[in-house]
Amino acid sequence: MQDRRLKYVLILPAALLVLGTTIWPLAVSLVTSFRDWRLTRSLTPGPFIGPEHYVTALTDDPDFANALQVTASFVAIDVALTVVCALGLALLLRRAGVLHSMTRAVLILPFAVSPALVGISFRFMFNAEMGVFTWLAGTLVPWLQGYVWLGDPVAALLVLVFSDAWRWIPYMTLVVLGGLSALPKEPEEAARIDGASEWQVLRDVTLPALMPVLAVVAILKTVFALKMFDQVVTLTGGGPGQSTVTLAYLVYSIAFRWYDMGYASAVAWILTAMLVFLAVWYMKLILRKPGGA
């Protein structure tokens, strides 16, 4: 009897921690999303108004529509760039050797850097007057000399994508490397014996076998990209205009700039619903039996 109870006693601290830091705040924010609560009028939640905040966000809020469009563009470009670069680097580092081993060892370093620090660093590096990337781009392409990257809506979004991809590509490369190391070598060797070129081996043998790993990488990166917030604050501040206002940054703005806690909770739950959908998809993918549908 004591042995059966011991496992619950041991897991109780972790369960209480999750309850206090995750489950309870989520429940409170869900209730708040159905109430009218503006901190400029009251320090306590207002009356229950039903799904009005959700209807407003989905049908009659240009700021939400803009943030949704920006987030979709950011996620699509960021995930595609990360997956392609991670796959290319993994294929290059697949070979054995001291140099390749050392490179794999230092790949984790960019991921260890704080996202906020990444944003600040890239803000300096893309400075129009003294940024190293601005100088390099101006050296290679003369008409880009002194270009104000963070002053152009499209360029600012691309810089934001570049900063996030720079941080995540090394980590995802290690994930793809793990997938490559788990693949059997016999099919590739058989294809080479049959006269297939390296490109044909990659296209017809390696990539199809690696697709489950690439799908996991894409879904994970999509989840992380959807909730990316730090670099928006420290790199672009949502500007110029609203060209880099993501959903996560919009939630922050509504709650702590406009002080509308009810509406911010509703927008946050819309974002949470997207993340939950992707998380369920991810779990189904990794738990799917080989050969299953």
C-alpha atoms as a PDB file:
ATOM      1  CA  MET A   1       0.000   0.000   0.000  1.00  0.00           C
ATOM      2  CA  GLN A   2       2.803   2.386   0.891  1.00  0.00           C
ATOM      3  CA  ASP A   3       4.585   1.611  -2.389  1.00  0.00           C
ATOM      4  CA  ARG A   4       1.443   2.443  -4.362  1.00  0.00           C
ATOM      5  CA  ARG A   5       1.030   5.740  -2.551  1.00  0.00           C
ATOM      6  CA  LEU A   6       4.699   6.674  -2.809  1.00  0.00           C
ATOM      7  CA  LYS A   7       4.532   7.383  -6.545  1.00  0.00           C
ATOM      8  CA  TYR A   8       1.704   9.879  -5.983  1.00  0.00           C
ATOM      9  CA  VAL A   9       3.594  11.551  -3.154  1.00  0.00           C
ATOM     10  CA  LEU A  10       6.682  11.904  -5.338  1.00  0.00           C
ATOM     11  CA  ILE A  11       4.757  13.369  -8.250  1.00  0.00           C
ATOM     12  CA  LEU A  12       2.717  15.749  -6.078  1.00  0.00           C
ATOM     13  CA  PRO A  13       5.263  18.653  -6.055  1.00  0.00           C
ATOM     14  CA  ALA A  14       5.534  18.622  -9.838  1.00  0.00           C
ATOM     15  CA  ALA A  15       1.747  18.384 -10.189  1.00  0.00           C
ATOM     16  CA  LEU A  16       1.250  21.349  -7.863  1.00  0.00           C
ATOM     17  CA  LEU A  17       3.866  23.345  -9.778  1.00  0.00           C
ATOM     18  CA  VAL A  18       2.126  22.683 -13.106  1.00  0.00           C
ATOM     19  CA  LEU A  19      -1.248  23.474 -11.548  1.00  0.00           C
ATOM     20  CA  GLY A  20      -0.050  26.761 -10.086  1.00  0.00           C
ATOM     21  CA  THR A  21       1.990  27.999 -13.058  1.00  0.00           C
ATOM     22  CA  THR A  22       0.036  26.616 -16.039  1.00  0.00           C
ATOM     23  CA  ILE A  23      -3.403  25.134 -15.410  1.00  0.00           C
ATOM     24  CA  TRP A  24      -4.659  27.802 -12.993  1.00  0.00           C
ATOM     25  CA  PRO A  25      -3.514  30.821 -15.092  1.00  0.00           C
ATOM     26  CA  LEU A  26      -5.043  29.223 -18.194  1.00  0.00           C
ATOM     27  CA  ALA A  27      -8.349  28.693 -16.405  1.00  0.00           C
ATOM     28  CA  VAL A  28      -8.392  32.254 -15.065  1.00  0.00           C
ATOM     29  CA  SER A  29      -7.575  33.725 -18.482  1.00  0.00           C
ATOM     30  CA  LEU A  30     -10.319  31.621 -20.095  1.00  0.00           C
ATOM     31  CA  VAL A  31     -12.888  32.988 -17.650  1.00  0.00           C
ATOM     32  CA  THR A  32     -11.517  36.516 -18.134  1.00  0.00           C
ATOM     33  CA  SER A  33     -11.902  36.231 -21.912  1.00  0.00           C
ATOM     34  CA  PHE A  34     -15.689  36.124 -21.434  1.00  0.00           C
ATOM     35  CA  ARG A  35     -15.777  39.231 -19.244  1.00  0.00           C
ATOM     36  CA  ASP A  36     -15.441  42.956 -19.859  1.00  0.00           C
ATOM     37  CA  TRP A  37     -12.374  44.054 -17.918  1.00  0.00           C
ATOM     38  CA  ARG A  38     -10.490  47.246 -18.641  1.00  0.00           C
ATOM     39  CA  LEU A  39      -7.911  48.224 -16.057  1.00  0.00           C
ATOM     40  CA  THR A  40      -8.494  51.897 -16.856  1.00  0.00           C
ATOM     41  CA  ARG A  41     -12.010  51.538 -15.429  1.00  0.00           C
ATOM     42  CA  SER A  42     -11.684  48.898 -12.726  1.00  0.00           C
ATOM     43  CA  LEU A  43      -9.068  46.761 -10.990  1.00  0.00           C
ATOM     44  CA  THR A  44     -11.534  43.865 -10.770  1.00  0.00           C
ATOM     45  CA  PRO A  45     -13.118  41.869 -13.626  1.00  0.00           C
ATOM     46  CA  GLY A  46     -16.311  43.343 -15.055  1.00  0.00           C
ATOM     47  CA  PRO A  47     -19.567  41.693 -16.094  1.00  0.00           C
ATOM     48  CA  PHE A  48     -19.902  38.517 -18.143  1.00  0.00           C
ATOM     49  CA  ILE A  49     -20.381  39.353 -21.844  1.00  0.00           C
ATOM     50  CA  GLY A  50     -20.151  35.912 -23.448  1.00  0.00           C
ATOM     51  CA  PRO A  51     -18.117  35.332 -26.637  1.00  0.00           C
ATOM     52  CA  GLU A  52     -18.229  39.008 -27.647  1.00  0.00           C
ATOM     53  CA  HIS A  53     -14.438  39.387 -27.531  1.00  0.00           C
ATOM     54  CA  TYR A  54     -13.948  36.349 -29.775  1.00  0.00           C
ATOM     55  CA  VAL A  55     -16.529  37.584 -32.286  1.00  0.00           C
ATOM     56  CA  THR A  56     -14.893  41.018 -32.355  1.00  0.00           C
ATOM     57  CA  ALA A  57     -11.424  39.575 -32.891  1.00  0.00           C
ATOM     58  CA  LEU A  58     -12.461  37.213 -35.668  1.00  0.00           C
ATOM     59  CA  THR A  59     -14.838  39.518 -37.535  1.00  0.00           C
ATOM     60  CA  ASP A  60     -14.289  43.187 -36.700  1.00  0.00           C
ATOM     61  CA  ASP A  61     -10.734  43.963 -35.592  1.00  0.00           C
ATOM     62  CA  PRO A  62      -8.259  45.158 -38.252  1.00  0.00           C
ATOM     63  CA  ASP A  63      -5.397  44.926 -35.748  1.00  0.00           C
ATOM     64  CA  PHE A  64      -6.109  41.231 -35.164  1.00  0.00           C
ATOM     65  CA  ALA A  65      -6.453  40.622 -38.913  1.00  0.00           C
ATOM     66  CA  ASN A  66      -3.115  42.352 -39.515  1.00  0.00           C
ATOM     67  CA  ALA A  67      -1.396  40.399 -36.715  1.00  0.00           C
ATOM     68  CA  LEU A  68      -2.822  37.145 -38.085  1.00  0.00           C
ATOM     69  CA  GLN A  69      -1.494  37.955 -41.564  1.00  0.00           C
ATOM     70  CA  VAL A  70       1.927  38.971 -40.221  1.00  0.00           C
ATOM     71  CA  THR A  71       2.110  35.835 -38.085  1.00  0.00           C
ATOM     72  CA  ALA A  72       1.149  33.613 -41.019  1.00  0.00           C
ATOM     73  CA  SER A  73       3.809  35.201 -43.254  1.00  0.00           C
ATOM     74  CA  PHE A  74       6.440  35.027 -40.528  1.00  0.00           C
ATOM     75  CA  VAL A  75       5.690  31.391 -39.686  1.00  0.00           C
ATOM     76  CA  ALA A  76       5.636  30.260 -43.329  1.00  0.00           C
ATOM     77  CA  ILE A  77       8.974  31.887 -44.229  1.00  0.00           C
ATOM     78  CA  ASP A  78      10.625  31.026 -40.906  1.00  0.00           C
ATOM     79  CA  VAL A  79       9.643  27.351 -40.943  1.00  0.00           C
ATOM     80  CA  ALA A  80      10.585  26.863 -44.600  1.00  0.00           C
ATOM     81  CA  LEU A  81      13.973  28.554 -44.140  1.00  0.00           C
ATOM     82  CA  THR A  82      14.721  26.625 -40.947  1.00  0.00           C
ATOM     83  CA  VAL A  83      13.787  23.209 -42.343  1.00  0.00           C
ATOM     84  CA  VAL A  84      15.698  23.681 -45.620  1.00  0.00           C
ATOM     85  CA  CYS A  85      18.839  25.033 -43.929  1.00  0.00           C
ATOM     86  CA  ALA A  86      18.736  22.402 -41.179  1.00  0.00           C
ATOM     87  CA  LEU A  87      18.438  19.643 -43.764  1.00  0.00           C
ATOM     88  CA  GLY A  88      21.293  21.042 -45.855  1.00  0.00           C
ATOM     89  CA  LEU A  89      23.611  21.439 -42.862  1.00  0.00           C
ATOM     90  CA  ALA A  90      22.722  17.986 -41.559  1.00  0.00           C
ATOM     91  CA  LEU A  91      23.602  16.423 -44.903  1.00  0.00           C
ATOM     92  CA  LEU A  92      26.943  18.284 -44.923  1.00  0.00           C
ATOM     93  CA  LEU A  93      27.755  17.274 -41.338  1.00  0.00           C
ATOM     94  CA  ARG A  94      26.627  13.671 -41.785  1.00  0.00           C
ATOM     95  CA  ARG A  95      30.119  12.515 -42.682  1.00  0.00           C
ATOM     96  CA  ALA A  96      32.505  11.285 -40.024  1.00  0.00           C
ATOM     97  CA  GLY A  97      35.574  13.318 -39.132  1.00  0.00           C
ATOM     98  CA  VAL A  98      37.102  15.507 -36.465  1.00  0.00           C
ATOM     99  CA  LEU A  99      36.010  18.769 -38.109  1.00  0.00           C
ATOM    100  CA  HIS A 100      32.436  17.570 -38.528  1.00  0.00           C
ATOM    101  CA  SER A 101      32.337  16.374 -34.913  1.00  0.00           C
ATOM    102  CA  MET A 102      33.622  19.714 -33.627  1.00  0.00           C
ATOM    103  CA  THR A 103      31.081  21.579 -35.752  1.00  0.00           C
ATOM    104  CA  ARG A 104      28.252  19.454 -34.377  1.00  0.00           C
ATOM    105  CA  ALA A 105      29.465  20.190 -30.842  1.00  0.00           C
ATOM    106  CA  VAL A 106      29.324  23.978 -31.271  1.00  0.00           C
ATOM    107  CA  LEU A 107      26.005  23.985 -33.134  1.00  0.00           C
ATOM    108  CA  ILE A 108      24.071  24.220 -29.894  1.00  0.00           C
ATOM    109  CA  LEU A 109      25.688  27.552 -28.913  1.00  0.00           C
ATOM    110  CA  PRO A 110      23.304  29.884 -30.831  1.00  0.00           C
ATOM    111  CA  PHE A 111      20.331  28.146 -29.225  1.00  0.00           C
ATOM    112  CA  ALA A 112      21.790  28.877 -25.792  1.00  0.00           C
ATOM    113  CA  VAL A 113      21.609  32.634 -26.437  1.00  0.00           C
ATOM    114  CA  SER A 114      18.605  34.432 -24.938  1.00  0.00           C
ATOM    115  CA  PRO A 115      15.983  35.361 -27.591  1.00  0.00           C
ATOM    116  CA  ALA A 116      15.861  38.909 -26.209  1.00  0.00           C
ATOM    117  CA  LEU A 117      19.639  39.193 -26.572  1.00  0.00           C
ATOM    118  CA  VAL A 118      19.389  37.880 -30.135  1.00  0.00           C
ATOM    119  CA  GLY A 119      16.930  40.661 -30.944  1.00  0.00           C
ATOM    120  CA  ILE A 120      19.134  43.357 -29.415  1.00  0.00           C
ATOM    121  CA  SER A 121      22.211  42.023 -31.220  1.00  0.00           C
ATOM    122  CA  PHE A 122      20.487  41.929 -34.597  1.00  0.00           C
ATOM    123  CA  ARG A 123      19.142  45.432 -34.026  1.00  0.00           C
ATOM    124  CA  PHE A 124      22.721  46.678 -33.713  1.00  0.00           C
ATOM    125  CA  MET A 125      23.999  44.534 -36.595  1.00  0.00           C
ATOM    126  CA  PHE A 126      21.315  45.893 -38.940  1.00  0.00           C
ATOM    127  CA  ASN A 127      21.817  49.492 -37.849  1.00  0.00           C
ATOM    128  CA  ALA A 128      21.851  51.709 -40.951  1.00  0.00           C
ATOM    129  CA  GLU A 129      25.018  53.603 -39.886  1.00  0.00           C
ATOM    130  CA  MET A 130      27.251  51.106 -38.074  1.00  0.00           C
ATOM    131  CA  GLY A 131      25.652  47.681 -38.441  1.00  0.00           C
ATOM    132  CA  VAL A 132      27.988  44.908 -39.586  1.00  0.00           C
ATOM    133  CA  PHE A 133      25.306  43.251 -41.737  1.00  0.00           C
ATOM    134  CA  THR A 134      24.410  46.606 -43.283  1.00  0.00           C
ATOM    135  CA  TRP A 135      28.090  47.203 -44.077  1.00  0.00           C
ATOM    136  CA  LEU A 136      28.496  43.689 -45.513  1.00  0.00           C
ATOM    137  CA  ALA A 137      25.364  43.992 -47.654  1.00  0.00           C
ATOM    138  CA  GLY A 138      26.504  47.434 -48.875  1.00  0.00           C
ATOM    139  CA  THR A 139      29.916  46.017 -49.767  1.00  0.00           C
ATOM    140  CA  LEU A 140      28.471  43.146 -51.769  1.00  0.00           C
ATOM    141  CA  VAL A 141      25.568  45.126 -53.263  1.00  0.00           C
ATOM    142  CA  PRO A 142      26.509  48.845 -53.527  1.00  0.00           C
ATOM    143  CA  TRP A 143      22.939  50.156 -53.733  1.00  0.00           C
ATOM    144  CA  LEU A 144      22.259  48.664 -50.273  1.00  0.00           C
ATOM    145  CA  GLN A 145      24.828  50.938 -48.600  1.00  0.00           C
ATOM    146  CA  GLY A 146      23.193  52.686 -45.651  1.00  0.00           C
ATOM    147  CA  TYR A 147      19.906  50.896 -46.274  1.00  0.00           C
ATOM    148  CA  VAL A 148      17.504  51.245 -43.329  1.00  0.00           C
ATOM    149  CA  TRP A 149      16.502  47.609 -42.979  1.00  0.00           C
ATOM    150  CA  LEU A 150      14.275  48.108 -39.954  1.00  0.00           C
ATOM    151  CA  GLY A 151      12.526  51.063 -41.599  1.00  0.00           C
ATOM    152  CA  ASP A 152      11.091  49.021 -44.457  1.00  0.00           C
ATOM    153  CA  PRO A 153       8.070  46.806 -43.662  1.00  0.00           C
ATOM    154  CA  VAL A 154       9.150  43.859 -45.823  1.00  0.00           C
ATOM    155  CA  ALA A 155      12.835  44.084 -44.880  1.00  0.00           C
ATOM    156  CA  ALA A 156      12.000  44.359 -41.165  1.00  0.00           C
ATOM    157  CA  LEU A 157       9.938  41.163 -41.335  1.00  0.00           C
ATOM    158  CA  LEU A 158      12.760  39.388 -43.174  1.00  0.00           C
ATOM    159  CA  VAL A 159      15.278  40.547 -40.560  1.00  0.00           C
ATOM    160  CA  LEU A 160      12.956  39.195 -37.861  1.00  0.00           C
ATOM    161  CA  VAL A 161      12.775  35.866 -39.700  1.00  0.00           C
ATOM    162  CA  PHE A 162      16.548  35.812 -40.123  1.00  0.00           C
ATOM    163  CA  SER A 163      17.140  36.424 -36.420  1.00  0.00           C
ATOM    164  CA  ASP A 164      14.789  33.621 -35.376  1.00  0.00           C
ATOM    165  CA  ALA A 165      16.097  31.192 -37.996  1.00  0.00           C
ATOM    166  CA  TRP A 166      19.703  31.925 -36.949  1.00  0.00           C
ATOM    167  CA  ARG A 167      18.850  30.794 -33.436  1.00  0.00           C
ATOM    168  CA  TRP A 168      16.858  27.697 -34.351  1.00  0.00           C
ATOM    169  CA  ILE A 169      18.661  26.272 -37.401  1.00  0.00           C
ATOM    170  CA  PRO A 170      21.586  24.778 -35.408  1.00  0.00           C
ATOM    171  CA  TYR A 171      19.249  23.030 -32.961  1.00  0.00           C
ATOM    172  CA  MET A 172      17.040  21.657 -35.738  1.00  0.00           C
ATOM    173  CA  THR A 173      20.174  20.547 -37.592  1.00  0.00           C
ATOM    174  CA  LEU A 174      21.034  18.330 -34.641  1.00  0.00           C
ATOM    175  CA  VAL A 175      17.513  16.885 -34.715  1.00  0.00           C
ATOM    176  CA  VAL A 176      17.800  16.092 -38.432  1.00  0.00           C
ATOM    177  CA  LEU A 177      21.283  14.643 -37.852  1.00  0.00           C
ATOM    178  CA  GLY A 178      19.763  12.282 -35.306  1.00  0.00           C
ATOM    179  CA  GLY A 179      17.181  11.229 -37.870  1.00  0.00           C
ATOM    180  CA  LEU A 180      19.843  10.677 -40.518  1.00  0.00           C
ATOM    181  CA  SER A 181      21.963   8.566 -38.166  1.00  0.00           C
ATOM    182  CA  ALA A 182      18.949   6.328 -37.481  1.00  0.00           C
ATOM    183  CA  LEU A 183      18.321   5.581 -41.154  1.00  0.00           C
ATOM    184  CA  PRO A 184      19.539   2.204 -42.406  1.00  0.00           C
ATOM    185  CA  LYS A 185      22.476   2.439 -44.805  1.00  0.00           C
ATOM    186  CA  GLU A 186      21.546  -0.585 -46.911  1.00  0.00           C
ATOM    187  CA  PRO A 187      18.928   1.119 -49.159  1.00  0.00           C
ATOM    188  CA  GLU A 188      21.326   3.933 -50.043  1.00  0.00           C
ATOM    189  CA  GLU A 189      24.170   1.508 -50.747  1.00  0.00           C
ATOM    190  CA  ALA A 190      21.869  -0.641 -52.898  1.00  0.00           C
ATOM    191  CA  ALA A 191      20.796   2.413 -54.899  1.00  0.00           C
ATOM    192  CA  ARG A 192      24.415   3.395 -55.527  1.00  0.00           C
ATOM    193  CA  ILE A 193      25.254  -0.140 -56.657  1.00  0.00           C
ATOM    194  CA  ASP A 194      22.342   0.062 -59.110  1.00  0.00           C
ATOM    195  CA  GLY A 195      23.943   3.160 -60.624  1.00  0.00           C
ATOM    196  CA  ALA A 196      21.966   5.950 -58.968  1.00  0.00           C
ATOM    197  CA  SER A 197      23.687   9.310 -58.593  1.00  0.00           C
ATOM    198  CA  GLU A 198      24.042  11.025 -55.212  1.00  0.00           C
ATOM    199  CA  TRP A 199      21.181  13.350 -56.083  1.00  0.00           C
ATOM    200  CA  GLN A 200      18.958  10.407 -57.014  1.00  0.00           C
ATOM    201  CA  VAL A 201      19.872   8.626 -53.761  1.00  0.00           C
ATOM    202  CA  LEU A 202      18.976  11.761 -51.795  1.00  0.00           C
ATOM    203  CA  ARG A 203      15.734  12.378 -53.682  1.00  0.00           C
ATOM    204  CA  ASP A 204      14.416   8.826 -53.960  1.00  0.00           C
ATOM    205  CA  VAL A 205      15.831   7.076 -50.878  1.00  0.00           C
ATOM    206  CA  THR A 206      17.035   9.434 -48.138  1.00  0.00           C
ATOM    207  CA  LEU A 207      14.384  12.148 -48.210  1.00  0.00           C
ATOM    208  CA  PRO A 208      11.348   9.813 -48.282  1.00  0.00           C
ATOM    209  CA  ALA A 209      12.750   7.905 -45.304  1.00  0.00           C
ATOM    210  CA  LEU A 210      13.511  11.177 -43.494  1.00  0.00           C
ATOM    211  CA  MET A 211      10.092  12.748 -44.038  1.00  0.00           C
ATOM    212  CA  PRO A 212       8.694  11.822 -40.570  1.00  0.00           C
ATOM    213  CA  VAL A 213      11.649  13.576 -38.923  1.00  0.00           C
ATOM    214  CA  LEU A 214      11.284  16.628 -41.177  1.00  0.00           C
ATOM    215  CA  ALA A 215       7.558  16.737 -40.401  1.00  0.00           C
ATOM    216  CA  VAL A 216       8.301  16.740 -36.665  1.00  0.00           C
ATOM    217  CA  VAL A 217      10.869  19.520 -37.151  1.00  0.00           C
ATOM    218  CA  ALA A 218       8.379  21.570 -39.183  1.00  0.00           C
ATOM    219  CA  ILE A 219       5.580  21.186 -36.622  1.00  0.00           C
ATOM    220  CA  LEU A 220       7.850  21.976 -33.674  1.00  0.00           C
ATOM    221  CA  LYS A 221       9.246  25.042 -35.431  1.00  0.00           C
ATOM    222  CA  THR A 222       5.736  26.179 -36.306  1.00  0.00           C
ATOM    223  CA  VAL A 223       4.754  26.014 -32.628  1.00  0.00           C
ATOM    224  CA  PHE A 224       7.820  27.991 -31.551  1.00  0.00           C
ATOM    225  CA  ALA A 225       7.364  30.539 -34.358  1.00  0.00           C
ATOM    226  CA  LEU A 226       3.700  31.119 -33.485  1.00  0.00           C
ATOM    227  CA  LYS A 227       4.546  32.147 -29.935  1.00  0.00           C
ATOM    228  CA  MET A 228       7.719  34.079 -30.762  1.00  0.00           C
ATOM    229  CA  PHE A 229       7.664  37.332 -28.803  1.00  0.00           C
ATOM    230  CA  ASP A 230      11.072  38.356 -27.444  1.00  0.00           C
ATOM    231  CA  GLN A 231      12.686  39.353 -30.722  1.00  0.00           C
ATOM    232  CA  VAL A 232       9.676  41.407 -31.780  1.00  0.00           C
ATOM    233  CA  VAL A 233      10.049  43.489 -28.602  1.00  0.00           C
ATOM    234  CA  THR A 234      13.816  43.956 -28.736  1.00  0.00           C
ATOM    235  CA  LEU A 235      14.375  43.998 -32.515  1.00  0.00           C
ATOM    236  CA  THR A 236      11.472  45.768 -34.230  1.00  0.00           C
ATOM    237  CA  GLY A 237       8.994  46.782 -31.522  1.00  0.00           C
ATOM    238  CA  GLY A 238       6.248  45.716 -33.917  1.00  0.00           C
ATOM    239  CA  GLY A 239       7.274  48.333 -36.475  1.00  0.00           C
ATOM    240  CA  PRO A 240       7.615  49.991 -38.780  1.00  0.00           C
ATOM    241  CA  GLY A 241       3.932  50.718 -38.359  1.00  0.00           C
ATOM    242  CA  GLN A 242       2.350  47.344 -37.626  1.00  0.00           C
ATOM    243  CA  SER A 243       4.347  45.351 -40.148  1.00  0.00           C
ATOM    244  CA  THR A 244       5.914  43.021 -37.557  1.00  0.00           C
ATOM    245  CA  VAL A 245       3.110  42.836 -34.981  1.00  0.00           C
ATOM    246  CA  THR A 246       2.611  39.115 -34.363  1.00  0.00           C
ATOM    247  CA  LEU A 247      -0.285  37.594 -32.430  1.00  0.00           C
ATOM    248  CA  ALA A 248       1.862  37.148 -29.322  1.00  0.00           C
ATOM    249  CA  TYR A 249       2.963  40.779 -29.466  1.00  0.00           C
ATOM    250  CA  LEU A 250      -0.623  41.893 -30.066  1.00  0.00           C
ATOM    251  CA  VAL A 251      -1.723  40.115 -26.877  1.00  0.00           C
ATOM    252  CA  TYR A 252       0.991  41.973 -24.973  1.00  0.00           C
ATOM    253  CA  SER A 253      -0.033  45.314 -26.490  1.00  0.00           C
ATOM    254  CA  ILE A 254      -3.730  44.838 -25.755  1.00  0.00           C
ATOM    255  CA  ALA A 255      -3.060  43.806 -22.155  1.00  0.00           C
ATOM    256  CA  PHE A 256      -0.237  46.113 -21.100  1.00  0.00           C
ATOM    257  CA  ARG A 257      -0.623  49.116 -23.395  1.00  0.00           C
ATOM    258  CA  TRP A 258      -4.371  49.325 -23.881  1.00  0.00           C
ATOM    259  CA  TYR A 259      -5.153  47.627 -20.521  1.00  0.00           C
ATOM    260  CA  ASP A 260      -8.027  45.572 -21.948  1.00  0.00           C
ATOM    261  CA  MET A 261      -7.486  42.327 -20.052  1.00  0.00           C
ATOM    262  CA  GLY A 262     -10.684  40.640 -21.261  1.00  0.00           C
ATOM    263  CA  TYR A 263      -9.949  41.166 -24.945  1.00  0.00           C
ATOM    264  CA  ALA A 264      -6.275  40.265 -24.489  1.00  0.00           C
ATOM    265  CA  SER A 265      -7.310  36.978 -22.867  1.00  0.00           C
ATOM    266  CA  ALA A 266      -9.591  36.181 -25.799  1.00  0.00           C
ATOM    267  CA  VAL A 267      -6.861  36.827 -28.377  1.00  0.00           C
ATOM    268  CA  ALA A 268      -4.439  34.798 -26.266  1.00  0.00           C
ATOM    269  CA  TRP A 269      -6.871  31.877 -26.250  1.00  0.00           C
ATOM    270  CA  ILE A 270      -7.238  32.046 -30.029  1.00  0.00           C
ATOM    271  CA  LEU A 271      -3.453  31.737 -30.245  1.00  0.00           C
ATOM    272  CA  THR A 272      -3.541  28.946 -27.640  1.00  0.00           C
ATOM    273  CA  ALA A 273      -6.107  27.057 -29.730  1.00  0.00           C
ATOM    274  CA  MET A 274      -3.717  27.171 -32.699  1.00  0.00           C
ATOM    275  CA  LEU A 275      -0.872  25.876 -30.539  1.00  0.00           C
ATOM    276  CA  VAL A 276      -3.025  23.090 -29.062  1.00  0.00           C
ATOM    277  CA  PHE A 277      -4.071  21.981 -32.548  1.00  0.00           C
ATOM    278  CA  LEU A 278      -0.433  21.799 -33.647  1.00  0.00           C
ATOM    279  CA  ALA A 279       0.571  20.025 -30.426  1.00  0.00           C
ATOM    280  CA  VAL A 280      -2.102  17.357 -30.940  1.00  0.00           C
ATOM    281  CA  TRP A 281      -0.986  16.944 -34.537  1.00  0.00           C
ATOM    282  CA  TYR A 282       2.599  16.619 -33.344  1.00  0.00           C
ATOM    283  CA  MET A 283       1.695  13.946 -30.770  1.00  0.00           C
ATOM    284  CA  LYS A 284      -0.270  11.960 -33.332  1.00  0.00           C
ATOM    285  CA  LEU A 285       2.699  12.135 -35.681  1.00  0.00           C
ATOM    286  CA  ILE A 286       5.317  10.895 -33.224  1.00  0.00           C
ATOM    287  CA  LEU A 287       3.028   8.230 -31.741  1.00  0.00           C
ATOM    288  CA  ARG A 288       1.878   6.903 -35.093  1.00  0.00           C
ATOM    289  CA  LYS A 289       2.889   3.347 -35.724  1.00  0.00           C
ATOM    290  CA  PRO A 290       5.269   2.699 -38.636  1.00  0.00           C
ATOM    291  CA  GLY A 291       3.271   2.009 -41.764  1.00  0.00           C
ATOM    292  CA  GLY A 292       0.098   3.468 -40.256  1.00  0.00           C
ATOM    293  CA  ALA A 293      -2.139   6.002 -41.910  1.00  0.00           C
END
